[in-house]
Amino acid sequence: MFSHCPVCGLKFEREQGYFVGAMYINYGATVFLIFTGYFTFELFTAIPFVVNFGIWGVISAVFPVFFYSYSKSLWLNIDYALDPSG
């Protein structure tokens, strides 16, 4: 990740603990995805409980790893929208 935006100069790397909000976004997105996916499969498919649970267990372990960079971007956008001075 760049330390500053090459276009506008916005500082990406902030103080220690700044990206805790990004972890909350990542956690919330993961929980939302897993719950809605699990219950959708439970209601509309005939797959057994163990298979359904296993599928969403694997996704819940993999999804946060791939989504974390997007959650950091979302957190930076929220912060910039609330405090444009950076």
Protein backbone atom coordinates (compact mmCIF):
# COMPACT_ATOMS: atom_id res chain seq x y z
CA MET A 1 0.00 0.00 0.00
CA PHE A 2 1.30 3.45 -0.86
CA SER A 3 1.97 5.81 2.04
CA HIS A 4 0.28 8.71 0.17
CA CYS A 5 -2.11 9.04 -2.76
CA PRO A 6 -0.09 9.82 -5.91
CA VAL A 7 -2.86 12.11 -7.21
CA CYS A 8 -4.11 14.15 -4.25
CA GLY A 9 -1.46 13.45 -1.60
CA LEU A 10 -3.90 11.99 0.99
CA LYS A 11 -1.94 10.18 3.67
CA PHE A 12 -2.97 6.50 3.76
CA GLU A 13 -0.86 5.21 6.63
CA ARG A 14 -2.12 6.93 9.75
CA GLU A 15 -1.36 6.48 13.43
CA GLN A 16 -1.27 3.11 15.13
CA GLY A 17 -4.77 1.68 15.55
CA TYR A 18 -6.26 3.80 12.78
CA PHE A 19 -7.49 0.81 10.78
CA VAL A 20 -9.46 -0.78 13.63
CA GLY A 21 -12.53 0.63 11.91
CA ALA A 22 -11.53 -1.27 8.77
CA MET A 23 -11.48 -4.46 10.81
CA TYR A 24 -15.01 -3.70 12.02
CA ILE A 25 -16.13 -3.18 8.43
CA ASN A 26 -14.47 -6.44 7.41
CA TYR A 27 -16.08 -8.32 10.29
CA GLY A 28 -19.52 -6.84 9.59
CA ALA A 29 -19.33 -7.69 5.89
CA THR A 30 -18.22 -11.23 6.69
CA VAL A 31 -20.99 -11.81 9.22
CA PHE A 32 -23.60 -10.37 6.85
CA LEU A 33 -22.39 -12.56 3.98
CA ILE A 34 -22.21 -15.73 6.07
CA PHE A 35 -25.60 -15.33 7.77
CA THR A 36 -27.49 -14.41 4.62
CA GLY A 37 -25.75 -17.11 2.59
CA TYR A 38 -26.24 -19.81 5.19
CA PHE A 39 -29.93 -19.10 5.74
CA THR A 40 -30.57 -18.69 2.01
CA PHE A 41 -29.04 -22.11 1.37
CA GLU A 42 -30.95 -23.54 4.33
CA LEU A 43 -34.30 -22.26 3.05
CA PHE A 44 -33.96 -22.77 -0.71
CA THR A 45 -31.77 -25.86 -1.14
CA ALA A 46 -31.92 -29.43 0.09
CA ILE A 47 -28.25 -29.81 0.99
CA PRO A 48 -27.53 -31.37 4.39
CA PHE A 49 -26.70 -29.23 7.42
CA VAL A 50 -23.10 -30.45 7.62
CA VAL A 51 -22.39 -29.56 3.98
CA ASN A 52 -24.04 -26.14 4.32
CA PHE A 53 -22.15 -25.46 7.53
CA GLY A 54 -18.88 -26.58 5.95
CA ILE A 55 -19.31 -24.43 2.87
CA TRP A 56 -19.94 -21.29 4.88
CA GLY A 57 -17.25 -22.20 7.39
CA VAL A 58 -14.64 -22.25 4.62
CA ILE A 59 -15.98 -19.02 3.11
CA SER A 60 -15.89 -17.34 6.54
CA ALA A 61 -12.20 -18.20 6.81
CA VAL A 62 -11.24 -17.09 3.29
CA PHE A 63 -13.46 -14.04 2.62
CA PRO A 64 -11.99 -11.68 5.28
CA VAL A 65 -8.47 -12.21 3.92
CA PHE A 66 -9.46 -11.11 0.43
CA PHE A 67 -11.83 -8.35 1.56
CA TYR A 68 -9.47 -6.63 4.03
CA SER A 69 -7.86 -4.30 1.47
CA TYR A 70 -11.34 -3.22 0.33
CA SER A 71 -12.40 -2.60 3.93
CA LYS A 72 -9.32 -0.41 4.42
CA SER A 73 -10.33 1.58 1.33
CA LEU A 74 -13.89 1.92 2.62
CA TRP A 75 -12.60 3.09 6.00
CA LEU A 76 -10.36 5.70 4.34
CA ASN A 77 -13.31 6.90 2.25
CA ILE A 78 -15.54 7.22 5.31
CA ASP A 79 -12.82 9.13 7.16
CA TYR A 80 -12.19 11.41 4.17
CA ALA A 81 -15.93 12.08 3.76
CA LEU A 82 -16.18 13.09 7.43
CA ASP A 83 -12.86 15.00 7.58
CA PRO A 84 -11.62 16.11 4.14
CA SER A 85 -8.62 17.95 5.58
CA GLY A 86 -6.96 14.56 6.10
